[in-house]
Protein backbone atom coordinates (compact mmCIF):
# COMPACT_ATOMS: atom_id res chain seq x y z
CA MET A 1 -93.61 -99.70 -37.16
CA ALA A 2 -91.72 -102.61 -35.64
CA LEU A 3 -91.02 -105.67 -37.74
CA SER A 4 -93.80 -108.25 -37.77
CA ARG A 5 -93.01 -111.94 -37.52
CA ASN A 6 -93.67 -112.37 -41.24
CA MET A 7 -91.49 -109.42 -42.19
CA MET A 8 -88.66 -110.63 -40.00
CA GLY A 9 -89.07 -114.12 -41.40
CA THR A 10 -88.52 -112.69 -44.87
CA ILE A 11 -85.33 -110.82 -44.07
CA PHE A 12 -83.80 -112.85 -41.26
CA VAL A 13 -81.59 -115.36 -42.98
CA GLY A 14 -77.84 -115.42 -43.00
CA GLY A 15 -77.51 -112.25 -40.94
CA ALA A 16 -74.59 -111.68 -38.61
CA LEU A 17 -72.13 -114.48 -38.97
CA THR A 18 -74.76 -116.95 -40.28
CA LEU A 19 -72.92 -118.00 -43.43
CA THR A 20 -72.23 -121.67 -44.11
CA LEU A 21 -69.92 -122.26 -47.05
CA SER A 22 -69.40 -125.12 -49.47
CA ALA A 23 -66.10 -126.44 -50.74
CA LEU A 24 -65.64 -124.19 -53.76
CA ALA A 25 -62.63 -121.96 -54.37
CA TYR A 26 -64.77 -119.04 -53.27
CA PRO A 27 -67.51 -120.88 -51.38
CA SER A 28 -71.19 -120.15 -51.81
CA MET A 29 -73.29 -119.51 -48.72
CA LEU A 30 -76.03 -121.88 -47.69
CA GLY A 31 -79.09 -121.40 -45.51
CA LEU A 32 -79.01 -120.69 -41.80
CA ASP A 33 -79.89 -124.24 -40.80
CA THR A 34 -77.92 -125.95 -43.55
CA VAL A 35 -74.91 -127.96 -42.42
CA SER A 36 -72.35 -129.04 -44.97
CA THR A 37 -71.97 -132.83 -44.99
CA SER A 38 -68.32 -132.38 -45.81
CA GLY A 39 -67.60 -129.68 -43.23
CA ASP A 40 -65.09 -131.88 -41.44
CA ARG A 41 -63.13 -132.54 -44.61
CA ILE A 42 -59.56 -131.28 -44.28
CA ILE A 43 -58.73 -128.84 -47.07
CA ALA A 44 -55.23 -127.92 -45.88
CA ASN A 45 -52.61 -129.02 -43.40
CA THR A 46 -51.00 -125.99 -41.83
CA GLN A 47 -48.36 -125.42 -39.17
CA TRP A 48 -51.23 -124.39 -36.86
CA GLY A 49 -53.12 -127.62 -37.38
CA PRO A 50 -55.44 -129.06 -40.03
CA LEU A 51 -57.91 -126.66 -41.64
CA THR A 52 -61.37 -128.03 -42.41
CA GLU A 53 -64.09 -126.61 -44.58
CA SER A 54 -65.99 -125.61 -41.46
CA ASP A 55 -62.92 -123.80 -40.13
CA ARG A 56 -62.52 -121.90 -43.38
CA ASP A 57 -66.23 -121.11 -43.46
CA PHE A 58 -66.10 -119.69 -39.96
CA VAL A 59 -63.35 -117.21 -40.78
CA VAL A 60 -65.42 -115.97 -43.72
CA LYS A 61 -68.50 -115.70 -41.48
CA VAL A 62 -66.69 -113.42 -39.08
CA ARG A 63 -65.42 -111.19 -41.86
CA ALA A 64 -68.83 -110.98 -43.56
CA ALA A 65 -70.54 -110.06 -40.29
CA GLY A 66 -68.34 -107.04 -39.83
CA LEU A 67 -68.94 -105.82 -43.37
CA TRP A 68 -72.54 -104.98 -42.53
CA GLU A 69 -72.62 -104.65 -38.75
CA TYR A 70 -69.72 -102.20 -38.50
CA PRO A 71 -71.35 -99.65 -40.86
CA LEU A 72 -74.68 -100.29 -39.16
CA GLY A 73 -73.05 -99.26 -35.89
CA GLN A 74 -71.97 -96.02 -37.56
CA ILE A 75 -75.52 -95.46 -38.79
CA GLY A 76 -76.84 -96.08 -35.28
CA LEU A 77 -74.59 -93.38 -33.87
CA GLN A 78 -75.84 -90.94 -36.51
CA LYS A 79 -79.57 -91.70 -36.36
CA SER A 80 -80.51 -92.90 -32.89
CA GLN A 81 -81.32 -90.53 -30.06
CA THR A 82 -81.67 -93.42 -27.60
CA PRO A 83 -78.65 -93.78 -25.28
CA ALA A 84 -78.92 -97.59 -25.10
CA VAL A 85 -79.00 -97.91 -28.90
CA ARG A 86 -76.05 -95.56 -29.25
CA THR A 87 -74.16 -97.66 -26.71
CA ALA A 88 -74.97 -100.80 -28.71
CA SER A 89 -73.78 -99.03 -31.87
CA ASN A 90 -70.46 -98.24 -30.22
CA HIS A 91 -70.08 -101.89 -29.26
CA LEU A 92 -70.67 -103.00 -32.86
CA ILE A 93 -67.95 -100.70 -34.19
CA ASP A 94 -65.53 -101.57 -31.41
CA GLY A 95 -66.06 -105.33 -31.53
CA HIS A 96 -66.06 -105.74 -35.28
CA GLY A 97 -63.09 -103.45 -35.72
CA ALA A 98 -61.06 -105.87 -33.59
CA LEU A 99 -62.54 -109.01 -35.16
CA ASP A 100 -61.87 -107.71 -38.65
CA THR A 101 -58.24 -107.04 -37.77
CA SER A 102 -57.96 -110.62 -36.53
CA CYS A 103 -59.56 -112.03 -39.68
CA ARG A 104 -57.24 -110.07 -41.92
CA LYS A 105 -54.28 -111.35 -39.93
CA ILE A 106 -55.09 -115.04 -40.05
CA ALA A 107 -56.73 -115.31 -43.49
CA PRO A 108 -53.49 -115.05 -45.49
CA MET A 109 -51.76 -117.40 -43.05
CA LEU A 110 -54.44 -120.00 -43.81
CA ASN A 111 -54.81 -119.09 -47.50
CA ILE A 112 -58.45 -118.04 -47.04
CA GLN A 113 -60.00 -115.53 -49.43
CA LEU A 114 -62.15 -112.95 -47.68
CA PRO A 115 -65.09 -111.02 -49.13
CA ASN A 116 -65.00 -107.24 -49.43
CA VAL A 117 -68.79 -106.79 -49.48
CA ALA A 118 -71.49 -108.48 -47.43
CA SER A 119 -74.15 -110.62 -49.09
CA PRO A 120 -77.16 -108.98 -50.78
CA GLN A 121 -79.30 -110.28 -47.91
CA GLN A 122 -77.03 -108.67 -45.33
CA GLU A 123 -76.78 -105.46 -47.32
CA GLY A 124 -80.59 -105.48 -47.29
CA PHE A 125 -80.54 -105.12 -43.51
CA VAL A 126 -78.43 -101.99 -43.87
CA THR A 127 -80.59 -100.54 -46.64
CA GLN A 128 -83.74 -101.12 -44.59
CA LEU A 129 -82.38 -99.42 -41.50
CA LYS A 130 -80.98 -96.50 -43.47
CA ALA A 131 -84.53 -95.75 -44.59
CA GLU A 132 -85.97 -95.81 -41.06
CA SER A 133 -85.90 -93.26 -38.28
CA GLY A 134 -87.00 -92.66 -34.72
CA LYS A 135 -88.59 -95.46 -32.71
CA GLN A 136 -88.93 -97.72 -35.75
CA PHE A 137 -85.20 -97.53 -36.42
CA ASP A 138 -84.30 -98.23 -32.79
CA THR A 139 -86.69 -101.18 -32.51
CA ASP A 140 -85.74 -102.84 -35.78
CA PHE A 141 -82.05 -102.22 -35.11
CA ALA A 142 -82.22 -104.04 -31.77
CA ASN A 143 -84.34 -106.94 -33.03
CA ILE A 144 -82.43 -107.58 -36.24
CA LEU A 145 -79.09 -107.61 -34.46
CA ARG A 146 -80.31 -109.65 -31.48
CA MET A 147 -81.66 -112.28 -33.86
CA THR A 148 -78.59 -112.51 -36.07
CA HIS A 149 -76.16 -112.67 -33.16
CA GLY A 150 -78.29 -115.30 -31.44
CA SER A 151 -78.30 -117.36 -34.62
CA ILE A 152 -74.52 -117.69 -34.71
CA PHE A 153 -73.89 -118.25 -31.01
CA ASN A 154 -74.20 -122.04 -31.15
CA THR A 155 -72.11 -122.17 -34.31
CA ILE A 156 -69.24 -120.43 -32.57
CA ALA A 157 -69.40 -122.92 -29.70
CA LYS A 158 -69.30 -125.84 -32.12
CA ILE A 159 -66.28 -124.47 -33.97
CA ARG A 160 -64.50 -123.74 -30.69
CA SER A 161 -65.10 -127.26 -29.38
CA THR A 162 -64.19 -129.14 -32.57
CA THR A 163 -61.50 -127.25 -34.48
CA LYS A 164 -57.95 -128.57 -34.41
CA ASN A 165 -56.54 -125.37 -35.84
CA THR A 166 -54.94 -123.02 -33.32
CA LEU A 167 -55.68 -119.83 -35.28
CA VAL A 168 -59.33 -120.71 -35.82
CA ARG A 169 -59.67 -121.64 -32.15
CA ALA A 170 -58.28 -118.26 -31.11
CA LEU A 171 -60.68 -116.45 -33.46
CA ALA A 172 -63.58 -118.47 -32.05
CA ASP A 173 -62.64 -117.37 -28.53
CA GLN A 174 -62.66 -113.74 -29.60
CA ALA A 175 -65.89 -114.10 -31.60
CA ASN A 176 -67.64 -115.80 -28.69
CA ASP A 177 -66.83 -112.95 -26.32
CA THR A 178 -67.79 -110.32 -28.90
CA VAL A 179 -71.09 -111.91 -29.93
CA LEU A 180 -72.14 -112.41 -26.30
CA ASP A 181 -71.32 -108.77 -25.65
CA HIS A 182 -73.43 -107.69 -28.63
CA ILE A 183 -76.35 -109.92 -27.61
CA THR A 184 -76.22 -108.36 -24.16
CA VAL A 185 -76.20 -104.74 -25.31
CA MET A 186 -79.10 -105.38 -27.70
CA GLU A 187 -81.13 -106.85 -24.86
CA LYS A 188 -80.25 -103.89 -22.64
CA THR A 189 -82.01 -101.56 -25.06
CA GLY A 190 -85.31 -102.94 -23.74
CA LEU A 191 -86.59 -103.09 -27.32
CA VAL A 192 -86.18 -106.79 -28.13
CA ASP A 193 -89.38 -108.71 -28.88
CA PHE A 194 -88.17 -112.12 -27.71
CA ASP A 195 -91.14 -114.11 -29.04
CA THR A 196 -90.72 -112.84 -32.58
CA THR A 197 -86.93 -112.75 -32.51
CA LEU A 198 -86.54 -116.28 -31.19
CA PHE A 199 -89.14 -117.58 -33.64
CA ASN A 200 -87.19 -116.16 -36.56
CA GLN A 201 -83.91 -117.27 -35.04
CA THR A 202 -85.05 -120.90 -34.94
CA THR A 203 -87.36 -120.93 -38.00
CA PRO A 204 -85.55 -119.11 -40.78
CA PRO A 205 -87.09 -118.91 -44.27
CA LYS A 206 -85.40 -120.32 -47.34
CA LEU A 207 -84.01 -117.72 -49.70
CA PRO A 208 -82.15 -118.11 -52.99
CA GLN A 209 -78.51 -118.95 -52.47
CA SER A 210 -77.55 -115.86 -54.46
CA ASP A 211 -79.18 -113.65 -51.83
CA MET A 212 -76.83 -115.01 -49.18
CA THR A 213 -73.58 -114.95 -51.16
CA PRO A 214 -71.14 -112.04 -50.89
CA PRO A 215 -69.65 -111.19 -54.27
CA VAL A 216 -66.19 -112.43 -55.13
CA PRO A 217 -63.64 -109.62 -54.79
CA PRO A 218 -62.33 -108.55 -58.19
CA ALA A 219 -58.72 -109.48 -58.82
CA GLY A 220 -56.40 -106.88 -57.39
CA GLN A 221 -59.07 -105.06 -55.39
CA PRO A 222 -57.63 -103.61 -52.17
CA MET A 223 -58.86 -105.22 -48.98
CA VAL A 224 -61.61 -103.28 -47.24
CA VAL A 225 -60.43 -102.40 -43.74
CA LEU A 226 -62.75 -101.88 -40.77
CA ASN A 227 -60.61 -99.66 -38.60
CA PRO A 228 -61.01 -99.89 -34.83
CA PRO A 229 -62.17 -96.60 -33.31
CA PRO A 230 -59.48 -94.33 -31.82
CA THR A 231 -60.72 -95.16 -28.32
CA ALA A 232 -61.10 -98.91 -28.95
CA THR A 233 -61.49 -101.15 -25.93
CA SER A 234 -61.56 -104.46 -27.84
CA THR A 235 -58.25 -105.95 -28.94
CA PRO A 236 -57.38 -108.08 -31.98
CA LEU A 237 -55.61 -111.40 -31.68
CA ASP A 238 -51.97 -111.19 -30.65
CA LEU A 239 -50.56 -113.90 -32.90
CA SER A 240 -47.19 -113.78 -31.18
CA GLY A 241 -48.88 -115.70 -28.37
CA VAL A 242 -50.43 -118.37 -30.57
CA VAL A 243 -48.05 -121.25 -29.95
CA ASN A 244 -49.03 -124.89 -29.63
CA GLY A 245 -52.69 -123.99 -29.35
CA ASN A 246 -52.22 -121.42 -26.59
CA VAL A 247 -53.44 -117.83 -26.62
CA PRO A 248 -52.51 -115.30 -23.92
CA PRO A 249 -55.30 -114.81 -21.35
CA GLY A 250 -57.59 -111.92 -22.21
CA ASN A 251 -56.58 -111.94 -25.88
CA GLY A 252 -59.27 -110.44 -28.07
CA GLN A 253 -61.59 -109.56 -25.21
CA PRO A 254 -64.26 -106.94 -25.95
CA GLY A 255 -64.54 -103.85 -23.83
CA ASN A 256 -67.35 -103.53 -21.34
CA GLY A 257 -68.55 -100.11 -22.33
CA GLN A 258 -68.54 -97.48 -25.00
CA PRO A 259 -65.13 -96.89 -26.57
CA GLY A 260 -63.07 -94.92 -24.14
CA THR A 261 -65.50 -95.41 -21.27
CA SER A 262 -66.64 -98.10 -18.88
CA GLN A 263 -70.06 -99.11 -17.71
């Protein structure tokens, strides 16, 4: 059974990349529509430009998205018999493998702590879809991921247009291309219920902050790595080209088909 509007309203908060963080050492995540009043406050001056709370938050958003969407792509390849959903699953693995590599490159350069596990709310998406099969899995997969990617699209544009930090700007470029690619492949499944998805995208429910907060990594815990597939078509940021706010053309672009193929 496909998700109803009420069901989606219950689970659709803080999904892919929809984390807004406060100014704590390991920031807590706020609601989808919540905007930090101090987001423009500079928390560090780096050689790549000033780093604001919003900049820091964005890097964490990208990392957290991959921690649930990448494994969900793997689940999609295992469970779905629908070619379009399998293609979308490949795109999730390919795109988030490259984005995760970029996050892990720039986070230590900017002294940003990254989570190793997605939030309980995000993990709930994965748990739900693991329990589903057949048409229900395919439909909920497409609608959950179309909604969560749509939710973050405007946030990426805002970060890209306002950040003064070269590394964050480069990551925003890559995230913009990847998220648009993922929105497109979800829509190409033909399974997206736009009325319900857009309603939940623009009218998210309010959940406890704890449901939207990824746990703090224990001291000394190795960093979780989302490895790009062997036939990856997306590329991580080439930081050798990040000089004076410039990034080589095509840096971080997602592929236009399944890994190792073209559409």
